[in-house]
Amino acid sequence: MNHHAPGRWAVRLDANGYRANRERELVLMARTAAEQVKKYRQPFTFSALNAAERRIIHLTLATEPGVRTESIGHGDDRKVVVHPV
Protein backbone atom coordinates (compact mmCIF):
# COMPACT_ATOMS: atom_id res chain seq x y z
CA MET A 1 0.00 0.00 0.00
CA ASN A 2 1.48 3.32 -1.09
CA HIS A 3 4.88 1.71 -1.61
CA HIS A 4 5.93 4.43 -4.07
CA ALA A 5 4.98 7.36 -1.83
CA PRO A 6 7.53 9.09 0.40
CA GLY A 7 7.14 8.15 4.09
CA ARG A 8 5.64 4.76 3.29
CA TRP A 9 2.87 3.44 5.48
CA ALA A 10 2.96 0.18 7.34
CA VAL A 11 -0.33 -1.62 7.81
CA ARG A 12 -0.83 -4.36 10.41
CA LEU A 13 -4.03 -6.34 10.53
CA ASP A 14 -5.32 -7.94 13.69
CA ALA A 15 -8.52 -10.00 13.60
CA ASN A 16 -10.28 -10.56 16.93
CA GLY A 17 -7.16 -9.76 18.96
CA TYR A 18 -5.14 -12.55 17.34
CA ARG A 19 -1.79 -10.84 17.93
CA ALA A 20 -2.36 -10.27 21.66
CA ASN A 21 -3.67 -13.82 22.09
CA ARG A 22 -0.71 -15.28 20.20
CA GLU A 23 1.74 -13.25 22.30
CA ARG A 24 0.13 -14.49 25.54
CA GLU A 25 0.28 -18.04 24.18
CA LEU A 26 3.98 -17.71 23.30
CA VAL A 27 4.84 -16.27 26.72
CA LEU A 28 3.07 -19.18 28.40
CA MET A 29 4.82 -21.67 26.10
CA ALA A 30 8.21 -20.08 26.85
CA ARG A 31 7.69 -20.23 30.61
CA THR A 32 6.48 -23.83 30.42
CA ALA A 33 9.49 -24.80 28.30
CA ALA A 34 11.83 -23.09 30.79
CA GLU A 35 10.31 -25.06 33.67
CA GLN A 36 10.75 -28.32 31.75
CA VAL A 37 14.36 -27.48 30.84
CA LYS A 38 15.22 -26.67 34.46
CA LYS A 39 13.47 -29.79 35.75
CA TYR A 40 14.90 -32.33 33.28
CA ARG A 41 18.16 -30.53 32.35
CA GLN A 42 17.46 -31.25 28.66
CA PRO A 43 17.18 -28.63 25.86
CA PHE A 44 13.74 -27.87 24.45
CA THR A 45 13.31 -26.96 20.78
CA PHE A 46 10.28 -25.01 19.59
CA SER A 47 8.87 -25.70 16.15
CA ALA A 48 9.69 -23.17 13.43
CA LEU A 49 8.60 -19.62 14.34
CA ASN A 50 8.67 -16.33 12.51
CA ALA A 51 11.06 -13.59 13.65
CA ALA A 52 8.50 -11.73 15.76
CA GLU A 53 7.49 -14.91 17.59
CA ARG A 54 11.11 -15.93 18.20
CA ARG A 55 11.75 -12.47 19.64
CA ILE A 56 8.90 -12.90 22.13
CA ILE A 57 10.39 -16.21 23.33
CA HIS A 58 13.88 -14.71 23.67
CA LEU A 59 12.64 -11.63 25.54
CA THR A 60 10.41 -13.66 27.86
CA LEU A 61 13.29 -15.91 28.92
CA ALA A 62 16.08 -13.29 28.86
CA THR A 63 15.87 -12.76 32.63
CA GLU A 64 14.80 -16.31 33.53
CA PRO A 65 17.49 -17.85 35.75
CA GLY A 66 18.76 -21.30 34.81
CA VAL A 67 18.09 -21.15 31.07
CA ARG A 68 19.42 -19.52 27.94
CA THR A 69 17.96 -19.30 24.44
CA GLU A 70 19.36 -19.41 20.94
CA SER A 71 17.93 -19.43 17.44
CA ILE A 72 18.99 -22.19 15.08
CA GLY A 73 18.25 -23.03 11.47
CA HIS A 74 17.89 -20.95 8.33
CA GLY A 75 15.10 -19.07 6.59
CA ASP A 76 11.59 -20.24 7.34
CA ASP A 77 12.94 -23.15 9.40
CA ARG A 78 14.42 -21.00 12.24
CA LYS A 79 13.66 -22.37 15.68
CA VAL A 80 14.31 -21.34 19.26
CA VAL A 81 16.15 -23.74 21.55
CA VAL A 82 15.97 -23.30 25.32
CA HIS A 83 19.09 -24.69 27.03
CA PRO A 84 19.81 -25.33 30.71
CA VAL A 85 22.61 -23.24 32.16
C-alpha atoms as a PDB file:
ATOM      1  CA  MET A   1       0.000   0.000   0.000  1.00  0.00           C
ATOM      2  CA  ASN A   2       1.475   3.318  -1.087  1.00  0.00           C
ATOM      3  CA  HIS A   3       4.879   1.711  -1.614  1.00  0.00           C
ATOM      4  CA  HIS A   4       5.930   4.428  -4.066  1.00  0.00           C
ATOM      5  CA  ALA A   5       4.979   7.357  -1.835  1.00  0.00           C
ATOM      6  CA  PRO A   6       7.527   9.093   0.404  1.00  0.00           C
ATOM      7  CA  GLY A   7       7.141   8.154   4.086  1.00  0.00           C
ATOM      8  CA  ARG A   8       5.637   4.763   3.292  1.00  0.00           C
ATOM      9  CA  TRP A   9       2.865   3.437   5.482  1.00  0.00           C
ATOM     10  CA  ALA A  10       2.956   0.182   7.336  1.00  0.00           C
ATOM     11  CA  VAL A  11      -0.326  -1.624   7.810  1.00  0.00           C
ATOM     12  CA  ARG A  12      -0.831  -4.364  10.406  1.00  0.00           C
ATOM     13  CA  LEU A  13      -4.035  -6.342  10.533  1.00  0.00           C
ATOM     14  CA  ASP A  14      -5.324  -7.940  13.692  1.00  0.00           C
ATOM     15  CA  ALA A  15      -8.520  -9.997  13.599  1.00  0.00           C
ATOM     16  CA  ASN A  16     -10.278 -10.558  16.931  1.00  0.00           C
ATOM     17  CA  GLY A  17      -7.161  -9.758  18.963  1.00  0.00           C
ATOM     18  CA  TYR A  18      -5.137 -12.551  17.344  1.00  0.00           C
ATOM     19  CA  ARG A  19      -1.790 -10.839  17.931  1.00  0.00           C
ATOM     20  CA  ALA A  20      -2.362 -10.267  21.655  1.00  0.00           C
ATOM     21  CA  ASN A  21      -3.674 -13.817  22.087  1.00  0.00           C
ATOM     22  CA  ARG A  22      -0.714 -15.277  20.203  1.00  0.00           C
ATOM     23  CA  GLU A  23       1.736 -13.249  22.303  1.00  0.00           C
ATOM     24  CA  ARG A  24       0.130 -14.494  25.543  1.00  0.00           C
ATOM     25  CA  GLU A  25       0.283 -18.044  24.181  1.00  0.00           C
ATOM     26  CA  LEU A  26       3.981 -17.708  23.297  1.00  0.00           C
ATOM     27  CA  VAL A  27       4.844 -16.266  26.716  1.00  0.00           C
ATOM     28  CA  LEU A  28       3.071 -19.181  28.403  1.00  0.00           C
ATOM     29  CA  MET A  29       4.819 -21.674  26.103  1.00  0.00           C
ATOM     30  CA  ALA A  30       8.206 -20.077  26.851  1.00  0.00           C
ATOM     31  CA  ARG A  31       7.686 -20.229  30.610  1.00  0.00           C
ATOM     32  CA  THR A  32       6.479 -23.829  30.423  1.00  0.00           C
ATOM     33  CA  ALA A  33       9.492 -24.799  28.298  1.00  0.00           C
ATOM     34  CA  ALA A  34      11.834 -23.091  30.788  1.00  0.00           C
ATOM     35  CA  GLU A  35      10.313 -25.062  33.673  1.00  0.00           C
ATOM     36  CA  GLN A  36      10.752 -28.322  31.751  1.00  0.00           C
ATOM     37  CA  VAL A  37      14.360 -27.480  30.844  1.00  0.00           C
ATOM     38  CA  LYS A  38      15.220 -26.669  34.458  1.00  0.00           C
ATOM     39  CA  LYS A  39      13.469 -29.791  35.752  1.00  0.00           C
ATOM     40  CA  TYR A  40      14.903 -32.332  33.285  1.00  0.00           C
ATOM     41  CA  ARG A  41      18.159 -30.529  32.347  1.00  0.00           C
ATOM     42  CA  GLN A  42      17.459 -31.246  28.658  1.00  0.00           C
ATOM     43  CA  PRO A  43      17.178 -28.634  25.864  1.00  0.00           C
ATOM     44  CA  PHE A  44      13.742 -27.871  24.450  1.00  0.00           C
ATOM     45  CA  THR A  45      13.312 -26.959  20.777  1.00  0.00           C
ATOM     46  CA  PHE A  46      10.275 -25.011  19.593  1.00  0.00           C
ATOM     47  CA  SER A  47       8.870 -25.698  16.150  1.00  0.00           C
ATOM     48  CA  ALA A  48       9.692 -23.167  13.426  1.00  0.00           C
ATOM     49  CA  LEU A  49       8.598 -19.625  14.338  1.00  0.00           C
ATOM     50  CA  ASN A  50       8.671 -16.328  12.507  1.00  0.00           C
ATOM     51  CA  ALA A  51      11.064 -13.595  13.653  1.00  0.00           C
ATOM     52  CA  ALA A  52       8.499 -11.729  15.761  1.00  0.00           C
ATOM     53  CA  GLU A  53       7.492 -14.910  17.586  1.00  0.00           C
ATOM     54  CA  ARG A  54      11.111 -15.926  18.203  1.00  0.00           C
ATOM     55  CA  ARG A  55      11.747 -12.475  19.642  1.00  0.00           C
ATOM     56  CA  ILE A  56       8.896 -12.904  22.131  1.00  0.00           C
ATOM     57  CA  ILE A  57      10.390 -16.215  23.330  1.00  0.00           C
ATOM     58  CA  HIS A  58      13.883 -14.708  23.665  1.00  0.00           C
ATOM     59  CA  LEU A  59      12.637 -11.626  25.538  1.00  0.00           C
ATOM     60  CA  THR A  60      10.411 -13.661  27.856  1.00  0.00           C
ATOM     61  CA  LEU A  61      13.293 -15.907  28.921  1.00  0.00           C
ATOM     62  CA  ALA A  62      16.075 -13.292  28.863  1.00  0.00           C
ATOM     63  CA  THR A  63      15.866 -12.762  32.626  1.00  0.00           C
ATOM     64  CA  GLU A  64      14.800 -16.312  33.530  1.00  0.00           C
ATOM     65  CA  PRO A  65      17.490 -17.854  35.747  1.00  0.00           C
ATOM     66  CA  GLY A  66      18.762 -21.298  34.813  1.00  0.00           C
ATOM     67  CA  VAL A  67      18.086 -21.149  31.070  1.00  0.00           C
ATOM     68  CA  ARG A  68      19.421 -19.516  27.940  1.00  0.00           C
ATOM     69  CA  THR A  69      17.958 -19.303  24.441  1.00  0.00           C
ATOM     70  CA  GLU A  70      19.359 -19.414  20.941  1.00  0.00           C
ATOM     71  CA  SER A  71      17.925 -19.433  17.439  1.00  0.00           C
ATOM     72  CA  ILE A  72      18.989 -22.191  15.078  1.00  0.00           C
ATOM     73  CA  GLY A  73      18.250 -23.027  11.467  1.00  0.00           C
ATOM     74  CA  HIS A  74      17.887 -20.954   8.325  1.00  0.00           C
ATOM     75  CA  GLY A  75      15.103 -19.072   6.590  1.00  0.00           C
ATOM     76  CA  ASP A  76      11.586 -20.238   7.335  1.00  0.00           C
ATOM     77  CA  ASP A  77      12.942 -23.148   9.399  1.00  0.00           C
ATOM     78  CA  ARG A  78      14.418 -21.004  12.238  1.00  0.00           C
ATOM     79  CA  LYS A  79      13.657 -22.371  15.685  1.00  0.00           C
ATOM     80  CA  VAL A  80      14.313 -21.340  19.264  1.00  0.00           C
ATOM     81  CA  VAL A  81      16.149 -23.739  21.551  1.00  0.00           C
ATOM     82  CA  VAL A  82      15.973 -23.304  25.320  1.00  0.00           C
ATOM     83  CA  HIS A  83      19.092 -24.693  27.033  1.00  0.00           C
ATOM     84  CA  PRO A  84      19.810 -25.332  30.711  1.00  0.00           C
ATOM     85  CA  VAL A  85      22.611 -23.237  32.163  1.00  0.00           C
END
